[in-house]
Amino acid sequence: MTVNDRVSTDNQLARLLQIGVVLEEVVEVRAARHYETLSPDERDDAVEELLEAAREESADHRRRLEDLIDQLDARAVPLEEIQTLVEGRYAQTGPESFDGVLYDQLHGEETAYKFYDDLIEAIEASDTDYALDREELLATLKTIREEEAEGVEEVTEIMEARE
């Protein structure tokens, strides 16, 4: 399942929010892996702080998305199915595909931003009444999207400072 033009049911919304949860897990795991495997020339305070903040932010985003899912009257989709969807659609590249930790982190932040942007647009295009408060849903997703945009900016600033 991908973000379509509209999100018309609680089940569809729940699946999309679950995709967000898995995307956040991917970012968190990759940031943790990068943190543990930084080479001496990559290791500096700015990069270490960025990766730590990315892990914490992803964990927070997951909790907020899970809270929204809990409010929906929807059946759960098996985690394996959601992980397969994320791998096929959003995580087609592994960390080894990028030239360095920062490029991989930038890719993760941009992917998450685009996902939330598409999801917000699809929800706003829909006239569906969900089992949770629409304004709360959109406010939460917009906050997460903004935090992803800030993450993109932070990574970009560190990359530019290193040039």
Protein backbone atom coordinates (compact mmCIF):
# COMPACT_ATOMS: atom_id res chain seq x y z
CA MET A 1 0.00 0.00 0.00
CA THR A 2 1.21 3.46 -0.84
CA VAL A 3 -0.13 6.89 -0.11
CA ASN A 4 -2.91 7.43 -2.63
CA ASP A 5 -4.85 10.55 -3.53
CA ARG A 6 -7.21 9.98 -0.59
CA VAL A 7 -7.31 8.06 2.67
CA SER A 8 -10.88 6.83 2.82
CA THR A 9 -11.07 4.30 5.69
CA ASP A 10 -9.74 3.79 9.19
CA ASN A 11 -8.09 0.55 8.01
CA GLN A 12 -6.28 2.38 5.21
CA LEU A 13 -5.19 5.13 7.60
CA ALA A 14 -3.99 2.57 10.15
CA ARG A 15 -1.87 0.82 7.53
CA LEU A 16 -0.34 4.10 6.42
CA LEU A 17 0.41 5.09 10.01
CA GLN A 18 1.98 1.66 10.51
CA ILE A 19 4.20 2.35 7.49
CA GLY A 20 5.25 5.54 9.26
CA VAL A 21 6.11 3.51 12.38
CA VAL A 22 8.30 1.16 10.36
CA LEU A 23 9.95 4.07 8.51
CA GLU A 24 10.82 5.58 11.87
CA GLU A 25 12.24 2.24 13.01
CA VAL A 26 14.42 2.10 9.89
CA VAL A 27 15.78 5.61 10.55
CA GLU A 28 16.37 4.80 14.22
CA VAL A 29 18.16 1.53 13.55
CA ARG A 30 20.34 2.99 10.83
CA ALA A 31 21.26 6.00 13.00
CA ALA A 32 22.20 3.64 15.85
CA ARG A 33 24.26 1.46 13.50
CA HIS A 34 26.04 4.51 12.10
CA TYR A 35 26.73 5.84 15.59
CA GLU A 36 28.36 2.56 16.57
CA THR A 37 30.43 2.27 13.38
CA LEU A 38 31.66 5.84 12.86
CA SER A 39 35.20 5.89 11.54
CA PRO A 40 37.68 8.16 13.31
CA ASP A 41 37.51 10.76 10.53
CA GLU A 42 33.69 10.82 10.71
CA ARG A 43 33.56 10.98 14.49
CA ASP A 44 32.96 14.48 15.78
CA ASP A 45 30.53 16.08 18.19
CA ALA A 46 28.17 17.39 15.48
CA VAL A 47 27.73 13.99 13.80
CA GLU A 48 27.41 12.13 17.10
CA GLU A 49 24.79 14.61 18.35
CA LEU A 50 22.91 14.41 15.04
CA LEU A 51 22.72 10.62 15.17
CA GLU A 52 21.69 10.60 18.83
CA ALA A 53 18.98 13.19 18.13
CA ALA A 54 17.77 11.18 15.11
CA ARG A 55 17.38 8.06 17.25
CA GLU A 56 15.49 9.92 19.96
CA GLU A 57 13.28 11.76 17.47
CA SER A 58 12.41 8.55 15.60
CA ALA A 59 11.46 6.84 18.85
CA ASP A 60 9.24 9.80 19.75
CA HIS A 61 7.61 9.79 16.31
CA ARG A 62 6.91 6.06 16.61
CA ARG A 63 5.18 6.57 19.96
CA ARG A 64 3.03 9.39 18.58
CA LEU A 65 2.04 7.35 15.53
CA GLU A 66 1.24 4.33 17.69
CA ASP A 67 -1.00 6.54 19.86
CA LEU A 68 -2.92 7.57 16.74
CA ILE A 69 -3.23 3.95 15.58
CA ASP A 70 -4.59 2.96 19.00
CA GLN A 71 -7.42 5.50 18.57
CA LEU A 72 -8.57 4.02 15.27
CA ASP A 73 -11.25 1.41 14.87
CA ALA A 74 -9.13 -0.67 12.52
CA ARG A 75 -7.73 -4.14 12.25
CA ALA A 76 -4.01 -4.49 12.63
CA VAL A 77 -1.90 -5.46 9.66
CA PRO A 78 0.81 -8.01 10.40
CA LEU A 79 4.13 -6.27 11.00
CA GLU A 80 5.85 -8.47 8.41
CA GLU A 81 3.47 -7.19 5.73
CA ILE A 82 4.16 -3.56 6.65
CA GLN A 83 7.93 -4.16 6.73
CA THR A 84 7.73 -5.70 3.26
CA LEU A 85 5.81 -2.67 1.99
CA VAL A 86 8.35 -0.28 3.50
CA GLU A 87 11.30 -2.22 2.12
CA GLY A 88 9.73 -2.38 -1.33
CA ARG A 89 8.63 1.23 -1.51
CA TYR A 90 10.67 3.39 0.87
CA ALA A 91 13.81 1.53 1.95
CA GLN A 92 15.12 0.21 -1.34
CA THR A 93 18.60 1.45 -0.61
CA GLY A 94 20.78 0.22 2.20
CA PRO A 95 23.30 2.28 4.15
CA GLU A 96 26.08 0.87 1.99
CA SER A 97 24.52 2.60 -1.04
CA PHE A 98 25.57 6.01 0.25
CA ASP A 99 28.93 7.69 0.43
CA GLY A 100 29.07 8.14 4.16
CA VAL A 101 26.91 8.37 7.21
CA LEU A 102 25.58 11.84 6.50
CA TYR A 103 24.29 10.99 3.02
CA ASP A 104 22.46 7.97 4.40
CA GLN A 105 21.00 10.04 7.22
CA LEU A 106 19.92 12.72 4.76
CA HIS A 107 18.21 10.09 2.62
CA GLY A 108 16.29 8.74 5.64
CA GLU A 109 15.15 12.20 6.74
CA GLU A 110 14.08 13.16 3.21
CA THR A 111 12.21 9.87 2.70
CA ALA A 112 10.31 10.32 5.96
CA TYR A 113 9.52 13.96 5.14
CA LYS A 114 8.14 13.00 1.72
CA PHE A 115 6.05 10.18 3.21
CA TYR A 116 4.44 12.47 5.80
CA ASP A 117 3.92 15.19 3.22
CA ASP A 118 2.11 12.75 0.92
CA LEU A 119 0.06 11.34 3.81
CA ILE A 120 -1.06 14.78 4.99
CA GLU A 121 -2.02 15.73 1.45
CA ALA A 122 -4.07 12.52 1.03
CA ILE A 123 -5.86 13.02 4.36
CA GLU A 124 -6.64 16.65 3.54
CA ALA A 125 -8.02 15.57 0.13
CA SER A 126 -10.35 13.10 1.82
CA ASP A 127 -13.69 13.93 3.38
CA THR A 128 -13.68 10.79 5.52
CA ASP A 129 -14.65 10.91 9.18
CA TYR A 130 -12.06 8.81 11.00
CA ALA A 131 -12.47 7.22 14.42
CA LEU A 132 -9.99 9.76 15.76
CA ASP A 133 -10.05 13.53 15.75
CA ARG A 134 -9.04 14.75 12.28
CA GLU A 135 -7.47 17.96 13.59
CA GLU A 136 -5.38 16.06 16.14
CA LEU A 137 -4.30 13.62 13.41
CA LEU A 138 -3.24 16.39 11.04
CA ALA A 139 -1.57 18.42 13.78
CA THR A 140 0.49 15.41 14.86
CA LEU A 141 1.49 14.53 11.31
CA LYS A 142 2.36 18.15 10.47
CA THR A 143 4.53 18.40 13.58
CA ILE A 144 6.35 15.19 12.65
CA ARG A 145 6.78 16.40 9.06
CA GLU A 146 8.24 19.69 10.33
CA GLU A 147 10.66 17.82 12.57
CA GLU A 148 11.75 15.73 9.58
CA ALA A 149 12.31 18.95 7.59
CA GLU A 150 14.44 20.28 10.45
CA GLY A 151 16.41 17.02 10.36
CA VAL A 152 17.09 17.51 6.65
CA GLU A 153 18.32 21.03 7.39
CA GLU A 154 20.57 19.86 10.24
CA VAL A 155 22.20 17.16 8.11
CA THR A 156 22.64 19.59 5.23
CA GLU A 157 24.28 22.18 7.50
CA ILE A 158 26.76 19.62 8.83
CA MET A 159 27.53 18.45 5.30
CA GLU A 160 28.10 22.02 4.11
CA ALA A 161 30.34 22.78 7.08
CA ARG A 162 32.54 19.81 6.16
CA GLU A 163 33.04 20.87 2.53
